[in-house]
Amino acid sequence: MKADTLTAGSGHAVDDAVNDAVRAAITRLVENRKVDLDAYAGPIYFMMQGVQSEDRARELAAALHAALYGDLGPLPRAVPPAS
């Protein structure tokens, strides 16, 4: 699964809180072995390999896309915070 902000246009900015939330989510996925160790966590380009299924990859991509456009709601549903 890959996503980037390169095509969003020059006026699009991702704030630090979003970058921190996305990086934390990807780190949790790596630590829990839900994605491969070579995941790349931005801030402009994001990549995760070894996702267990296409449905899961789509769920993660949708949550990541929403986060990059300012809606963090789907991210903790897709990648629950560590307890």
C-alpha atoms as a PDB file:
ATOM      1  CA  MET A   1       0.000   0.000   0.000  1.00  0.00           C
ATOM      2  CA  LYS A   2       1.408   3.382  -0.974  1.00  0.00           C
ATOM      3  CA  ALA A   3       0.192   6.939  -0.523  1.00  0.00           C
ATOM      4  CA  ASP A   4       1.768  10.314  -0.960  1.00  0.00           C
ATOM      5  CA  THR A   5       0.924  13.988  -0.789  1.00  0.00           C
ATOM      6  CA  LEU A   6       2.844  14.893  -3.950  1.00  0.00           C
ATOM      7  CA  THR A   7      -0.253  15.146  -6.144  1.00  0.00           C
ATOM      8  CA  ALA A   8      -2.326  17.117  -3.630  1.00  0.00           C
ATOM      9  CA  GLY A   9      -1.099  20.453  -4.934  1.00  0.00           C
ATOM     10  CA  SER A  10       1.181  23.096  -3.568  1.00  0.00           C
ATOM     11  CA  GLY A  11      -1.459  24.511  -1.205  1.00  0.00           C
ATOM     12  CA  HIS A  12      -1.955  21.224   0.667  1.00  0.00           C
ATOM     13  CA  ALA A  13      -0.121  20.966   3.967  1.00  0.00           C
ATOM     14  CA  VAL A  14      -0.119  18.145   6.481  1.00  0.00           C
ATOM     15  CA  ASP A  15       0.339  19.450  10.008  1.00  0.00           C
ATOM     16  CA  ASP A  16       2.668  17.958  12.603  1.00  0.00           C
ATOM     17  CA  ALA A  17      -0.142  16.371  14.618  1.00  0.00           C
ATOM     18  CA  VAL A  18      -1.293  14.402  11.566  1.00  0.00           C
ATOM     19  CA  ASN A  19       2.256  13.330  10.713  1.00  0.00           C
ATOM     20  CA  ASP A  20       2.787  12.219  14.317  1.00  0.00           C
ATOM     21  CA  ALA A  21      -0.470  10.240  14.352  1.00  0.00           C
ATOM     22  CA  VAL A  22       0.283   8.528  11.030  1.00  0.00           C
ATOM     23  CA  ARG A  23       3.855   7.687  12.057  1.00  0.00           C
ATOM     24  CA  ALA A  24       2.635   6.270  15.373  1.00  0.00           C
ATOM     25  CA  ALA A  25       0.024   4.122  13.606  1.00  0.00           C
ATOM     26  CA  ILE A  26       2.557   2.746  11.121  1.00  0.00           C
ATOM     27  CA  THR A  27       5.015   2.082  13.950  1.00  0.00           C
ATOM     28  CA  ARG A  28       2.332   0.089  15.812  1.00  0.00           C
ATOM     29  CA  LEU A  29       1.630  -1.937  12.680  1.00  0.00           C
ATOM     30  CA  VAL A  30       5.328  -2.748  12.290  1.00  0.00           C
ATOM     31  CA  GLU A  31       5.786  -3.575  15.988  1.00  0.00           C
ATOM     32  CA  ASN A  32       2.767  -5.896  15.881  1.00  0.00           C
ATOM     33  CA  ARG A  33       4.063  -7.489  12.651  1.00  0.00           C
ATOM     34  CA  LYS A  34       0.962  -6.468  10.711  1.00  0.00           C
ATOM     35  CA  VAL A  35       3.138  -4.909   7.983  1.00  0.00           C
ATOM     36  CA  ASP A  36       6.734  -5.534   6.930  1.00  0.00           C
ATOM     37  CA  LEU A  37       9.670  -3.912   8.724  1.00  0.00           C
ATOM     38  CA  ASP A  38      10.531  -1.778   5.682  1.00  0.00           C
ATOM     39  CA  ALA A  39       7.432   0.420   6.067  1.00  0.00           C
ATOM     40  CA  TYR A  40       8.077   4.069   5.274  1.00  0.00           C
ATOM     41  CA  ALA A  41       6.245   6.641   7.400  1.00  0.00           C
ATOM     42  CA  GLY A  42       6.379   9.940   5.568  1.00  0.00           C
ATOM     43  CA  PRO A  43       6.060  12.835   5.905  1.00  0.00           C
ATOM     44  CA  ILE A  44       5.386  13.055   2.148  1.00  0.00           C
ATOM     45  CA  TYR A  45       5.461   9.419   1.086  1.00  0.00           C
ATOM     46  CA  PHE A  46       3.980   6.455   2.989  1.00  0.00           C
ATOM     47  CA  MET A  47       4.423   2.777   2.151  1.00  0.00           C
ATOM     48  CA  MET A  48       3.479  -0.486   3.838  1.00  0.00           C
ATOM     49  CA  GLN A  49       4.093  -3.941   2.440  1.00  0.00           C
ATOM     50  CA  GLY A  50       3.031  -7.319   3.723  1.00  0.00           C
ATOM     51  CA  VAL A  51      -0.521  -6.267   4.588  1.00  0.00           C
ATOM     52  CA  GLN A  52      -2.525  -9.443   5.250  1.00  0.00           C
ATOM     53  CA  SER A  53      -5.256  -8.913   2.644  1.00  0.00           C
ATOM     54  CA  GLU A  54      -6.537  -6.555  -0.004  1.00  0.00           C
ATOM     55  CA  ASP A  55      -9.457  -5.572   2.231  1.00  0.00           C
ATOM     56  CA  ARG A  56      -7.068  -4.662   5.046  1.00  0.00           C
ATOM     57  CA  ALA A  57      -4.864  -2.704   2.643  1.00  0.00           C
ATOM     58  CA  ARG A  58      -7.918  -0.766   1.452  1.00  0.00           C
ATOM     59  CA  GLU A  59      -8.954  -0.053   5.052  1.00  0.00           C
ATOM     60  CA  LEU A  60      -5.476   1.246   5.890  1.00  0.00           C
ATOM     61  CA  ALA A  61      -5.285   3.283   2.684  1.00  0.00           C
ATOM     62  CA  ALA A  62      -8.664   4.906   3.371  1.00  0.00           C
ATOM     63  CA  ALA A  63      -7.678   5.761   6.962  1.00  0.00           C
ATOM     64  CA  LEU A  64      -4.340   7.159   5.808  1.00  0.00           C
ATOM     65  CA  HIS A  65      -5.983   9.220   3.059  1.00  0.00           C
ATOM     66  CA  ALA A  66      -8.524  10.647   5.500  1.00  0.00           C
ATOM     67  CA  ALA A  67      -5.753  11.536   7.955  1.00  0.00           C
ATOM     68  CA  LEU A  68      -3.680  13.261   5.287  1.00  0.00           C
ATOM     69  CA  TYR A  69      -6.699  15.438   4.537  1.00  0.00           C
ATOM     70  CA  GLY A  70      -7.298  16.323   8.178  1.00  0.00           C
ATOM     71  CA  ASP A  71      -9.751  13.654   9.362  1.00  0.00           C
ATOM     72  CA  LEU A  72      -7.979  11.551  11.995  1.00  0.00           C
ATOM     73  CA  GLY A  73     -11.183   9.672  12.953  1.00  0.00           C
ATOM     74  CA  PRO A  74     -10.682   6.566  10.789  1.00  0.00           C
ATOM     75  CA  LEU A  75      -7.017   6.119  11.768  1.00  0.00           C
ATOM     76  CA  PRO A  76      -7.501   4.865  15.355  1.00  0.00           C
ATOM     77  CA  ARG A  77     -10.318   2.604  14.153  1.00  0.00           C
ATOM     78  CA  ALA A  78      -8.017   1.047  11.549  1.00  0.00           C
ATOM     79  CA  VAL A  79      -4.980   0.973  13.875  1.00  0.00           C
ATOM     80  CA  PRO A  80      -6.091   1.052  17.517  1.00  0.00           C
ATOM     81  CA  PRO A  81      -3.705   2.799  19.924  1.00  0.00           C
ATOM     82  CA  ALA A  82      -1.477   0.596  22.061  1.00  0.00           C
ATOM     83  CA  SER A  83      -3.126  -0.318  25.320  1.00  0.00           C
END
